[in-house]
Amino acid sequence: MSESKAHRNAKWRSAGRGGSVEVQLASGRRLDALSWDGTWATEVETSGDLECLILAAERLEESSAPQKVLKVPFRHMRLAAVALRRAAVSAWVRNMHGSKEFFVKVG
């Protein structure tokens, strides 16, 4: 299934100027976006399915970036926090536009 316009735009916006999208991870999975200096790793998940959110959190954990962001639609932000806690990943949860955000700290 091809990615939606919202997913593609959020991914490119997160990578920023000089950043990379669809970055290969050591396990063979792909991270949605990585900033140019490798500081910010971003995963975009629009489905709202808890299992998909947990998989996105695991991809974030596998990245070596010190700052991690899980971008979801506003209505799924609380569910994203639950997924991050279940996957034991500390990360930022942001809405697709980037106007709302909060940090989920684990451990």
PDB file of N, CA and C in Angstrom:
ATOM      1  N   MET A   1       0.839  -1.174   0.000  1.00  0.00           N
ATOM      2  CA  MET A   1       0.000   0.000   0.000  1.00  0.00           C
ATOM      3  C   MET A   1       0.888   1.242   0.000  1.00  0.00           C
ATOM      4  N   SER A   2       0.598   2.174  -0.860  1.00  0.00           N
ATOM      5  CA  SER A   2       1.426   3.368  -0.934  1.00  0.00           C
ATOM      6  C   SER A   2       1.120   4.298   0.229  1.00  0.00           C
ATOM      7  N   GLU A   3       2.117   5.121   0.567  1.00  0.00           N
ATOM      8  CA  GLU A   3       1.943   6.018   1.709  1.00  0.00           C
ATOM      9  C   GLU A   3       1.052   7.201   1.334  1.00  0.00           C
ATOM     10  N   SER A   4       0.381   7.731   2.339  1.00  0.00           N
ATOM     11  CA  SER A   4      -0.522   8.860   2.104  1.00  0.00           C
ATOM     12  C   SER A   4       0.281  10.149   1.934  1.00  0.00           C
ATOM     13  N   LYS A   5      -0.383  11.164   1.426  1.00  0.00           N
ATOM     14  CA  LYS A   5       0.255  12.463   1.267  1.00  0.00           C
ATOM     15  C   LYS A   5       0.673  13.034   2.614  1.00  0.00           C
ATOM     16  N   ALA A   6      -0.185  12.864   3.623  1.00  0.00           N
ATOM     17  CA  ALA A   6       0.119  13.384   4.962  1.00  0.00           C
ATOM     18  C   ALA A   6       1.359  12.703   5.530  1.00  0.00           C
ATOM     19  N   HIS A   7       1.466  11.396   5.328  1.00  0.00           N
ATOM     20  CA  HIS A   7       2.634  10.657   5.810  1.00  0.00           C
ATOM     21  C   HIS A   7       3.896  11.135   5.106  1.00  0.00           C
ATOM     22  N   ARG A   8       3.839  11.248   3.803  1.00  0.00           N
ATOM     23  CA  ARG A   8       5.006  11.681   3.020  1.00  0.00           C
ATOM     24  C   ARG A   8       5.442  13.087   3.411  1.00  0.00           C
ATOM     25  N   ASN A   9       4.476  14.012   3.541  1.00  0.00           N
ATOM     26  CA  ASN A   9       4.817  15.386   3.904  1.00  0.00           C
ATOM     27  C   ASN A   9       5.410  15.475   5.296  1.00  0.00           C
ATOM     28  N   ALA A  10       4.844  14.745   6.249  1.00  0.00           N
ATOM     29  CA  ALA A  10       5.362  14.763   7.618  1.00  0.00           C
ATOM     30  C   ALA A  10       6.773  14.189   7.668  1.00  0.00           C
ATOM     31  N   LYS A  11       7.016  13.161   6.878  1.00  0.00           N
ATOM     32  CA  LYS A  11       8.326  12.520   6.837  1.00  0.00           C
ATOM     33  C   LYS A  11       9.384  13.490   6.294  1.00  0.00           C
ATOM     34  N   TRP A  12       9.079  14.136   5.185  1.00  0.00           N
ATOM     35  CA  TRP A  12      10.034  15.069   4.580  1.00  0.00           C
ATOM     36  C   TRP A  12      10.239  16.297   5.450  1.00  0.00           C
ATOM     37  N   ARG A  13       9.174  16.779   6.074  1.00  0.00           N
ATOM     38  CA  ARG A  13       9.272  17.939   6.961  1.00  0.00           C
ATOM     39  C   ARG A  13      10.133  17.597   8.174  1.00  0.00           C
ATOM     40  N   SER A  14      10.012  16.378   8.676  1.00  0.00           N
ATOM     41  CA  SER A  14      10.795  15.960   9.834  1.00  0.00           C
ATOM     42  C   SER A  14      12.274  15.804   9.508  1.00  0.00           C
ATOM     43  N   ALA A  15      12.585  15.328   8.327  1.00  0.00           N
ATOM     44  CA  ALA A  15      13.985  15.151   7.933  1.00  0.00           C
ATOM     45  C   ALA A  15      14.676  16.501   7.824  1.00  0.00           C
ATOM     46  N   GLY A  16      13.951  17.498   7.354  1.00  0.00           N
ATOM     47  CA  GLY A  16      14.523  18.834   7.239  1.00  0.00           C
ATOM     48  C   GLY A  16      15.504  18.943   6.090  1.00  0.00           C
ATOM     49  N   ARG A  17      16.072  20.107   5.966  1.00  0.00           N
ATOM     50  CA  ARG A  17      17.029  20.362   4.893  1.00  0.00           C
ATOM     51  C   ARG A  17      18.316  19.572   5.148  1.00  0.00           C
ATOM     52  N   GLY A  18      18.687  18.749   4.217  1.00  0.00           N
ATOM     53  CA  GLY A  18      19.897  17.950   4.344  1.00  0.00           C
ATOM     54  C   GLY A  18      19.697  16.634   5.078  1.00  0.00           C
ATOM     55  N   GLY A  19      18.495  16.384   5.596  1.00  0.00           N
ATOM     56  CA  GLY A  19      18.215  15.143   6.305  1.00  0.00           C
ATOM     57  C   GLY A  19      17.894  14.008   5.349  1.00  0.00           C
ATOM     58  N   SER A  20      17.690  12.833   5.906  1.00  0.00           N
ATOM     59  CA  SER A  20      17.424  11.645   5.100  1.00  0.00           C
ATOM     60  C   SER A  20      16.072  11.046   5.453  1.00  0.00           C
ATOM     61  N   VAL A  21      15.416  10.463   4.458  1.00  0.00           N
ATOM     62  CA  VAL A  21      14.177   9.729   4.687  1.00  0.00           C
ATOM     63  C   VAL A  21      14.416   8.270   4.333  1.00  0.00           C
ATOM     64  N   GLU A  22      13.609   7.380   4.914  1.00  0.00           N
ATOM     65  CA  GLU A  22      13.732   5.935   4.698  1.00  0.00           C
ATOM     66  C   GLU A  22      15.164   5.456   4.947  1.00  0.00           C
ATOM     67  N   VAL A  23      15.653   5.705   6.159  1.00  0.00           N
ATOM     68  CA  VAL A  23      17.018   5.346   6.540  1.00  0.00           C
ATOM     69  C   VAL A  23      17.055   3.877   6.939  1.00  0.00           C
ATOM     70  N   GLN A  24      17.994   3.139   6.381  1.00  0.00           N
ATOM     71  CA  GLN A  24      18.137   1.711   6.667  1.00  0.00           C
ATOM     72  C   GLN A  24      18.692   1.511   8.072  1.00  0.00           C
ATOM     73  N   LEU A  25      18.046   0.650   8.863  1.00  0.00           N
ATOM     74  CA  LEU A  25      18.521   0.305  10.194  1.00  0.00           C
ATOM     75  C   LEU A  25      19.297  -1.005  10.134  1.00  0.00           C
ATOM     76  N   ALA A  26      19.983  -1.333  11.205  1.00  0.00           N
ATOM     77  CA  ALA A  26      20.826  -2.534  11.221  1.00  0.00           C
ATOM     78  C   ALA A  26      20.015  -3.812  11.005  1.00  0.00           C
ATOM     79  N   SER A  27      18.764  -3.835  11.465  1.00  0.00           N
ATOM     80  CA  SER A  27      17.932  -5.031  11.331  1.00  0.00           C
ATOM     81  C   SER A  27      17.330  -5.179   9.937  1.00  0.00           C
ATOM     82  N   GLY A  28      17.521  -4.172   9.091  1.00  0.00           N
ATOM     83  CA  GLY A  28      16.933  -4.205   7.756  1.00  0.00           C
ATOM     84  C   GLY A  28      15.657  -3.386   7.664  1.00  0.00           C
ATOM     85  N   ARG A  29      15.103  -2.994   8.819  1.00  0.00           N
ATOM     86  CA  ARG A  29      13.917  -2.137   8.804  1.00  0.00           C
ATOM     87  C   ARG A  29      14.325  -0.725   8.425  1.00  0.00           C
ATOM     88  N   ARG A  30      13.334   0.105   8.149  1.00  0.00           N
ATOM     89  CA  ARG A  30      13.625   1.477   7.731  1.00  0.00           C
ATOM     90  C   ARG A  30      13.004   2.486   8.687  1.00  0.00           C
ATOM     91  N   LEU A  31      13.801   3.488   9.009  1.00  0.00           N
ATOM     92  CA  LEU A  31      13.355   4.609   9.834  1.00  0.00           C
ATOM     93  C   LEU A  31      12.820   5.679   8.897  1.00  0.00           C
ATOM     94  N   ASP A  32      11.697   6.317   9.258  1.00  0.00           N
ATOM     95  CA  ASP A  32      11.072   7.294   8.363  1.00  0.00           C
ATOM     96  C   ASP A  32      11.970   8.488   8.070  1.00  0.00           C
ATOM     97  N   ALA A  33      12.550   9.107   9.101  1.00  0.00           N
ATOM     98  CA  ALA A  33      13.351  10.311   8.857  1.00  0.00           C
ATOM     99  C   ALA A  33      14.463  10.441   9.882  1.00  0.00           C
ATOM    100  N   LEU A  34      15.584  10.984   9.431  1.00  0.00           N
ATOM    101  CA  LEU A  34      16.725  11.254  10.293  1.00  0.00           C
ATOM    102  C   LEU A  34      17.266  12.621   9.924  1.00  0.00           C
ATOM    103  N   SER A  35      17.511  13.474  10.919  1.00  0.00           N
ATOM    104  CA  SER A  35      18.008  14.818  10.649  1.00  0.00           C
ATOM    105  C   SER A  35      19.416  14.759  10.067  1.00  0.00           C
ATOM    106  N   TRP A  36      19.882  15.859   9.520  1.00  0.00           N
ATOM    107  CA  TRP A  36      21.160  15.883   8.817  1.00  0.00           C
ATOM    108  C   TRP A  36      22.329  15.518   9.721  1.00  0.00           C
ATOM    109  N   ASP A  37      22.247  15.856  11.015  1.00  0.00           N
ATOM    110  CA  ASP A  37      23.347  15.552  11.915  1.00  0.00           C
ATOM    111  C   ASP A  37      23.122  14.278  12.732  1.00  0.00           C
ATOM    112  N   GLY A  38      22.011  13.584  12.484  1.00  0.00           N
ATOM    113  CA  GLY A  38      21.727  12.340  13.180  1.00  0.00           C
ATOM    114  C   GLY A  38      21.192  12.513  14.583  1.00  0.00           C
ATOM    115  N   THR A  39      20.795  13.732  14.953  1.00  0.00           N
ATOM    116  CA  THR A  39      20.303  13.998  16.300  1.00  0.00           C
ATOM    117  C   THR A  39      18.858  13.576  16.471  1.00  0.00           C
ATOM    118  N   TRP A  40      18.027  13.815  15.465  1.00  0.00           N
ATOM    119  CA  TRP A  40      16.588  13.561  15.566  1.00  0.00           C
ATOM    120  C   TRP A  40      16.173  12.417  14.661  1.00  0.00           C
ATOM    121  N   ALA A  41      15.590  11.385  15.268  1.00  0.00           N
ATOM    122  CA  ALA A  41      15.001  10.268  14.519  1.00  0.00           C
ATOM    123  C   ALA A  41      13.490  10.403  14.619  1.00  0.00           C
ATOM    124  N   THR A  42      12.796  10.269  13.491  1.00  0.00           N
ATOM    125  CA  THR A  42      11.347  10.462  13.481  1.00  0.00           C
ATOM    126  C   THR A  42      10.660   9.295  12.805  1.00  0.00           C
ATOM    127  N   GLU A  43       9.590   8.841  13.433  1.00  0.00           N
ATOM    128  CA  GLU A  43       8.693   7.835  12.858  1.00  0.00           C
ATOM    129  C   GLU A  43       7.318   8.463  12.743  1.00  0.00           C
ATOM    130  N   VAL A  44       6.667   8.288  11.609  1.00  0.00           N
ATOM    131  CA  VAL A  44       5.324   8.804  11.374  1.00  0.00           C
ATOM    132  C   VAL A  44       4.379   7.612  11.293  1.00  0.00           C
ATOM    133  N   GLU A  45       3.339   7.616  12.115  1.00  0.00           N
ATOM    134  CA  GLU A  45       2.360   6.522  12.112  1.00  0.00           C
ATOM    135  C   GLU A  45       0.963   7.123  12.130  1.00  0.00           C
ATOM    136  N   THR A  46       0.223   6.934  11.051  1.00  0.00           N
ATOM    137  CA  THR A  46      -1.097   7.557  10.931  1.00  0.00           C
ATOM    138  C   THR A  46      -2.250   6.604  11.192  1.00  0.00           C
ATOM    139  N   SER A  47      -1.977   5.311  11.382  1.00  0.00           N
ATOM    140  CA  SER A  47      -3.064   4.337  11.456  1.00  0.00           C
ATOM    141  C   SER A  47      -3.848   4.393  12.765  1.00  0.00           C
ATOM    142  N   GLY A  48      -3.182   4.639  13.881  1.00  0.00           N
ATOM    143  CA  GLY A  48      -3.872   4.631  15.162  1.00  0.00           C
ATOM    144  C   GLY A  48      -4.021   3.245  15.753  1.00  0.00           C
ATOM    145  N   ASP A  49      -3.381   2.254  15.157  1.00  0.00           N
ATOM    146  CA  ASP A  49      -3.404   0.886  15.648  1.00  0.00           C
ATOM    147  C   ASP A  49      -2.285   0.716  16.675  1.00  0.00           C
ATOM    148  N   LEU A  50      -2.609   0.180  17.841  1.00  0.00           N
ATOM    149  CA  LEU A  50      -1.630   0.061  18.924  1.00  0.00           C
ATOM    150  C   LEU A  50      -0.433  -0.781  18.515  1.00  0.00           C
ATOM    151  N   GLU A  51      -0.652  -1.880  17.826  1.00  0.00           N
ATOM    152  CA  GLU A  51       0.459  -2.744  17.404  1.00  0.00           C
ATOM    153  C   GLU A  51       1.394  -2.014  16.440  1.00  0.00           C
ATOM    154  N   CYS A  52       0.826  -1.249  15.517  1.00  0.00           N
ATOM    155  CA  CYS A  52       1.655  -0.488  14.575  1.00  0.00           C
ATOM    156  C   CYS A  52       2.446   0.597  15.296  1.00  0.00           C
ATOM    157  N   LEU A  53       1.833   1.211  16.299  1.00  0.00           N
ATOM    158  CA  LEU A  53       2.520   2.235  17.080  1.00  0.00           C
ATOM    159  C   LEU A  53       3.670   1.628  17.880  1.00  0.00           C
ATOM    160  N   ILE A  54       3.475   0.431  18.415  1.00  0.00           N
ATOM    161  CA  ILE A  54       4.546  -0.242  19.158  1.00  0.00           C
ATOM    162  C   ILE A  54       5.700  -0.592  18.220  1.00  0.00           C
ATOM    163  N   LEU A  55       5.393  -1.051  17.014  1.00  0.00           N
ATOM    164  CA  LEU A  55       6.449  -1.340  16.032  1.00  0.00           C
ATOM    165  C   LEU A  55       7.220  -0.076  15.656  1.00  0.00           C
ATOM    166  N   ALA A  56       6.516   1.044  15.515  1.00  0.00           N
ATOM    167  CA  ALA A  56       7.177   2.315  15.224  1.00  0.00           C
ATOM    168  C   ALA A  56       8.089   2.715  16.380  1.00  0.00           C
ATOM    169  N   ALA A  57       7.637   2.497  17.614  1.00  0.00           N
ATOM    170  CA  ALA A  57       8.457   2.802  18.783  1.00  0.00           C
ATOM    171  C   ALA A  57       9.715   1.932  18.803  1.00  0.00           C
ATOM    172  N   GLU A  58       9.580   0.675  18.414  1.00  0.00           N
ATOM    173  CA  GLU A  58      10.745  -0.211  18.361  1.00  0.00           C
ATOM    174  C   GLU A  58      11.746   0.241  17.306  1.00  0.00           C
ATOM    175  N   ARG A  59      11.244   0.728  16.172  1.00  0.00           N
ATOM    176  CA  ARG A  59      12.153   1.267  15.151  1.00  0.00           C
ATOM    177  C   ARG A  59      12.887   2.490  15.681  1.00  0.00           C
ATOM    178  N   LEU A  60      12.193   3.331  16.442  1.00  0.00           N
ATOM    179  CA  LEU A  60      12.847   4.494  17.045  1.00  0.00           C
ATOM    180  C   LEU A  60      13.938   4.055  18.012  1.00  0.00           C
ATOM    181  N   GLU A  61      13.638   3.050  18.817  1.00  0.00           N
ATOM    182  CA  GLU A  61      14.617   2.564  19.788  1.00  0.00           C
ATOM    183  C   GLU A  61      15.857   2.028  19.096  1.00  0.00           C
ATOM    184  N   GLU A  62      15.670   1.377  17.954  1.00  0.00           N
ATOM    185  CA  GLU A  62      16.795   0.803  17.228  1.00  0.00           C
ATOM    186  C   GLU A  62      17.698   1.877  16.611  1.00  0.00           C
ATOM    187  N   SER A  63      17.142   3.039  16.340  1.00  0.00           N
ATOM    188  CA  SER A  63      17.965   4.112  15.789  1.00  0.00           C
ATOM    189  C   SER A  63      18.937   4.595  16.857  1.00  0.00           C
ATOM    190  N   SER A  64      20.065   5.100  16.435  1.00  0.00           N
ATOM    191  CA  SER A  64      21.083   5.538  17.390  1.00  0.00           C
ATOM    192  C   SER A  64      20.946   7.018  17.739  1.00  0.00           C
ATOM    193  N   ALA A  65      19.882   7.659  17.307  1.00  0.00           N
ATOM    194  CA  ALA A  65      19.704   9.087  17.549  1.00  0.00           C
ATOM    195  C   ALA A  65      19.368   9.348  19.020  1.00  0.00           C
ATOM    196  N   PRO A  66      19.936  10.395  19.596  1.00  0.00           N
ATOM    197  CA  PRO A  66      19.638  10.709  20.991  1.00  0.00           C
ATOM    198  C   PRO A  66      18.229  11.261  21.206  1.00  0.00           C
ATOM    199  N   GLN A  67      17.660  11.913  20.218  1.00  0.00           N
ATOM    200  CA  GLN A  67      16.316  12.469  20.308  1.00  0.00           C
ATOM    201  C   GLN A  67      15.404  11.696  19.363  1.00  0.00           C
ATOM    202  N   LYS A  68      14.283  11.218  19.907  1.00  0.00           N
ATOM    203  CA  LYS A  68      13.354  10.409  19.118  1.00  0.00           C
ATOM    204  C   LYS A  68      11.984  11.063  19.110  1.00  0.00           C
ATOM    205  N   VAL A  69      11.303  11.018  17.955  1.00  0.00           N
ATOM    206  CA  VAL A  69       9.987  11.634  17.803  1.00  0.00           C
ATOM    207  C   VAL A  69       9.046  10.643  17.138  1.00  0.00           C
ATOM    208  N   LEU A  70       7.864  10.484  17.725  1.00  0.00           N
ATOM    209  CA  LEU A  70       6.798   9.689  17.125  1.00  0.00           C
ATOM    210  C   LEU A  70       5.699  10.659  16.716  1.00  0.00           C
ATOM    211  N   LYS A  71       5.490  10.823  15.411  1.00  0.00           N
ATOM    212  CA  LYS A  71       4.476  11.744  14.893  1.00  0.00           C
ATOM    213  C   LYS A  71       3.198  10.981  14.580  1.00  0.00           C
ATOM    214  N   VAL A  72       2.098  11.448  15.155  1.00  0.00           N
ATOM    215  CA  VAL A  72       0.798  10.813  14.966  1.00  0.00           C
ATOM    216  C   VAL A  72      -0.263  11.895  14.809  1.00  0.00           C
ATOM    217  N   PRO A  73      -1.431  11.563  14.262  1.00  0.00           N
ATOM    218  CA  PRO A  73      -2.523  12.526  14.251  1.00  0.00           C
ATOM    219  C   PRO A  73      -2.914  12.894  15.693  1.00  0.00           C
ATOM    220  N   PHE A  74      -3.444  14.088  15.878  1.00  0.00           N
ATOM    221  CA  PHE A  74      -3.755  14.587  17.220  1.00  0.00           C
ATOM    222  C   PHE A  74      -4.624  13.610  18.007  1.00  0.00           C
ATOM    223  N   ARG A  75      -5.590  12.990  17.341  1.00  0.00           N
ATOM    224  CA  ARG A  75      -6.519  12.106  18.046  1.00  0.00           C
ATOM    225  C   ARG A  75      -5.854  10.827  18.558  1.00  0.00           C
ATOM    226  N   HIS A  76      -4.639  10.523  18.116  1.00  0.00           N
ATOM    227  CA  HIS A  76      -3.947   9.306  18.538  1.00  0.00           C
ATOM    228  C   HIS A  76      -2.761   9.580  19.462  1.00  0.00           C
ATOM    229  N   MET A  77      -2.625  10.805  19.949  1.00  0.00           N
ATOM    230  CA  MET A  77      -1.445  11.145  20.749  1.00  0.00           C
ATOM    231  C   MET A  77      -1.391  10.371  22.065  1.00  0.00           C
ATOM    232  N   ARG A  78      -2.514  10.209  22.740  1.00  0.00           N
ATOM    233  CA  ARG A  78      -2.513   9.454  24.000  1.00  0.00           C
ATOM    234  C   ARG A  78      -2.200   7.981  23.761  1.00  0.00           C
ATOM    235  N   LEU A  79      -2.713   7.426  22.692  1.00  0.00           N
ATOM    236  CA  LEU A  79      -2.432   6.034  22.350  1.00  0.00           C
ATOM    237  C   LEU A  79      -0.947   5.854  22.023  1.00  0.00           C
ATOM    238  N   ALA A  80      -0.343   6.850  21.390  1.00  0.00           N
ATOM    239  CA  ALA A  80       1.085   6.797  21.084  1.00  0.00           C
ATOM    240  C   ALA A  80       1.906   6.779  22.373  1.00  0.00           C
ATOM    241  N   ALA A  81       1.469   7.528  23.377  1.00  0.00           N
ATOM    242  CA  ALA A  81       2.166   7.519  24.667  1.00  0.00           C
ATOM    243  C   ALA A  81       2.087   6.142  25.311  1.00  0.00           C
ATOM    244  N   VAL A  82       0.941   5.502  25.214  1.00  0.00           N
ATOM    245  CA  VAL A  82       0.778   4.145  25.749  1.00  0.00           C
ATOM    246  C   VAL A  82       1.722   3.187  25.019  1.00  0.00           C
ATOM    247  N   ALA A  83       1.807   3.311  23.705  1.00  0.00           N
ATOM    248  CA  ALA A  83       2.676   2.438  22.914  1.00  0.00           C
ATOM    249  C   ALA A  83       4.148   2.635  23.288  1.00  0.00           C
ATOM    250  N   LEU A  84       4.563   3.881  23.489  1.00  0.00           N
ATOM    251  CA  LEU A  84       5.950   4.148  23.874  1.00  0.00           C
ATOM    252  C   LEU A  84       6.262   3.536  25.240  1.00  0.00           C
ATOM    253  N   ARG A  85       5.320   3.643  26.165  1.00  0.00           N
ATOM    254  CA  ARG A  85       5.544   3.056  27.493  1.00  0.00           C
ATOM    255  C   ARG A  85       5.623   1.530  27.411  1.00  0.00           C
ATOM    256  N   ARG A  86       4.769   0.927  26.609  1.00  0.00           N
ATOM    257  CA  ARG A  86       4.800  -0.541  26.466  1.00  0.00           C
ATOM    258  C   ARG A  86       6.085  -1.023  25.810  1.00  0.00           C
ATOM    259  N   ALA A  87       6.612  -0.222  24.877  1.00  0.00           N
ATOM    260  CA  ALA A  87       7.859  -0.593  24.206  1.00  0.00           C
ATOM    261  C   ALA A  87       9.084  -0.131  25.000  1.00  0.00           C
ATOM    262  N   ALA A  88       8.864   0.565  26.120  1.00  0.00           N
ATOM    263  CA  ALA A  88       9.942   1.081  26.986  1.00  0.00           C
ATOM    264  C   ALA A  88      10.886   1.997  26.221  1.00  0.00           C
ATOM    265  N   VAL A  89      10.303   2.977  25.510  1.00  0.00           N
ATOM    266  CA  VAL A  89      11.072   3.927  24.729  1.00  0.00           C
ATOM    267  C   VAL A  89      10.732   5.336  25.193  1.00  0.00           C
ATOM    268  N   SER A  90      11.741   6.125  25.523  1.00  0.00           N
ATOM    269  CA  SER A  90      11.534   7.527  25.850  1.00  0.00           C
ATOM    270  C   SER A  90      11.598   8.331  24.556  1.00  0.00           C
ATOM    271  N   ALA A  91      10.562   9.112  24.288  1.00  0.00           N
ATOM    272  CA  ALA A  91      10.513   9.857  23.034  1.00  0.00           C
ATOM    273  C   ALA A  91       9.496  10.987  23.121  1.00  0.00           C
ATOM    274  N   TRP A  92       9.585  11.892  22.167  1.00  0.00           N
ATOM    275  CA  TRP A  92       8.593  12.950  22.000  1.00  0.00           C
ATOM    276  C   TRP A  92       7.415  12.409  21.202  1.00  0.00           C
ATOM    277  N   VAL A  93       6.215  12.831  21.573  1.00  0.00           N
ATOM    278  CA  VAL A  93       5.019  12.536  20.790  1.00  0.00           C
ATOM    279  C   VAL A  93       4.551  13.867  20.227  1.00  0.00           C
ATOM    280  N   ARG A  94       4.429  13.959  18.911  1.00  0.00           N
ATOM    281  CA  ARG A  94       3.994  15.198  18.256  1.00  0.00           C
ATOM    282  C   ARG A  94       2.833  14.905  17.329  1.00  0.00           C
ATOM    283  N   ASN A  95       1.977  15.922  17.147  1.00  0.00           N
ATOM    284  CA  ASN A  95       0.934  15.758  16.155  1.00  0.00           C
ATOM    285  C   ASN A  95       1.544  15.983  14.765  1.00  0.00           C
ATOM    286  N   MET A  96       0.782  15.701  13.738  1.00  0.00           N
ATOM    287  CA  MET A  96       1.324  15.726  12.378  1.00  0.00           C
ATOM    288  C   MET A  96       1.844  17.104  11.979  1.00  0.00           C
ATOM    289  N   HIS A  97       1.203  18.138  12.456  1.00  0.00           N
ATOM    290  CA  HIS A  97       1.618  19.487  12.089  1.00  0.00           C
ATOM    291  C   HIS A  97       2.784  19.975  12.938  1.00  0.00           C
ATOM    292  N   GLY A  98       2.918  19.415  14.134  1.00  0.00           N
ATOM    293  CA  GLY A  98       4.005  19.819  15.024  1.00  0.00           C
ATOM    294  C   GLY A  98       3.626  20.907  16.014  1.00  0.00           C
ATOM    295  N   SER A  99       2.335  21.224  16.095  1.00  0.00           N
ATOM    296  CA  SER A  99       1.918  22.302  16.991  1.00  0.00           C
ATOM    297  C   SER A  99       1.714  21.836  18.425  1.00  0.00           C
ATOM    298  N   LYS A 100       1.486  20.547  18.631  1.00  0.00           N
ATOM    299  CA  LYS A 100       1.313  19.983  19.968  1.00  0.00           C
ATOM    300  C   LYS A 100       2.363  18.907  20.171  1.00  0.00           C
ATOM    301  N   GLU A 101       2.926  18.861  21.385  1.00  0.00           N
ATOM    302  CA  GLU A 101       3.931  17.841  21.679  1.00  0.00           C
ATOM    303  C   GLU A 101       4.040  17.631  23.182  1.00  0.00           C
ATOM    304  N   PHE A 102       4.479  16.433  23.562  1.00  0.00           N
ATOM    305  CA  PHE A 102       4.835  16.153  24.947  1.00  0.00           C
ATOM    306  C   PHE A 102       5.856  15.029  24.954  1.00  0.00           C
ATOM    307  N   PHE A 103       6.581  14.926  26.061  1.00  0.00           N
ATOM    308  CA  PHE A 103       7.641  13.948  26.174  1.00  0.00           C
ATOM    309  C   PHE A 103       7.193  12.783  27.045  1.00  0.00           C
ATOM    310  N   VAL A 104       7.481  11.574  26.609  1.00  0.00           N
ATOM    311  CA  VAL A 104       7.173  10.364  27.379  1.00  0.00           C
ATOM    312  C   VAL A 104       8.505   9.818  27.877  1.00  0.00           C
ATOM    313  N   LYS A 105       8.688   9.835  29.197  1.00  0.00           N
ATOM    314  CA  LYS A 105       9.923   9.339  29.797  1.00  0.00           C
ATOM    315  C   LYS A 105       9.666   7.980  30.420  1.00  0.00           C
ATOM    316  N   VAL A 106      10.490   7.022  30.063  1.00  0.00           N
ATOM    317  CA  VAL A 106      10.350   5.668  30.574  1.00  0.00           C
ATOM    318  C   VAL A 106      11.566   5.356  31.436  1.00  0.00           C
ATOM    319  N   GLY A 107      11.322   4.817  32.591  1.00  0.00           N
ATOM    320  CA  GLY A 107      12.407   4.382  33.470  1.00  0.00           C
ATOM    321  C   GLY A 107      13.016   5.445  34.230  1.00  0.00           C
TER     322      GLY A 107
END
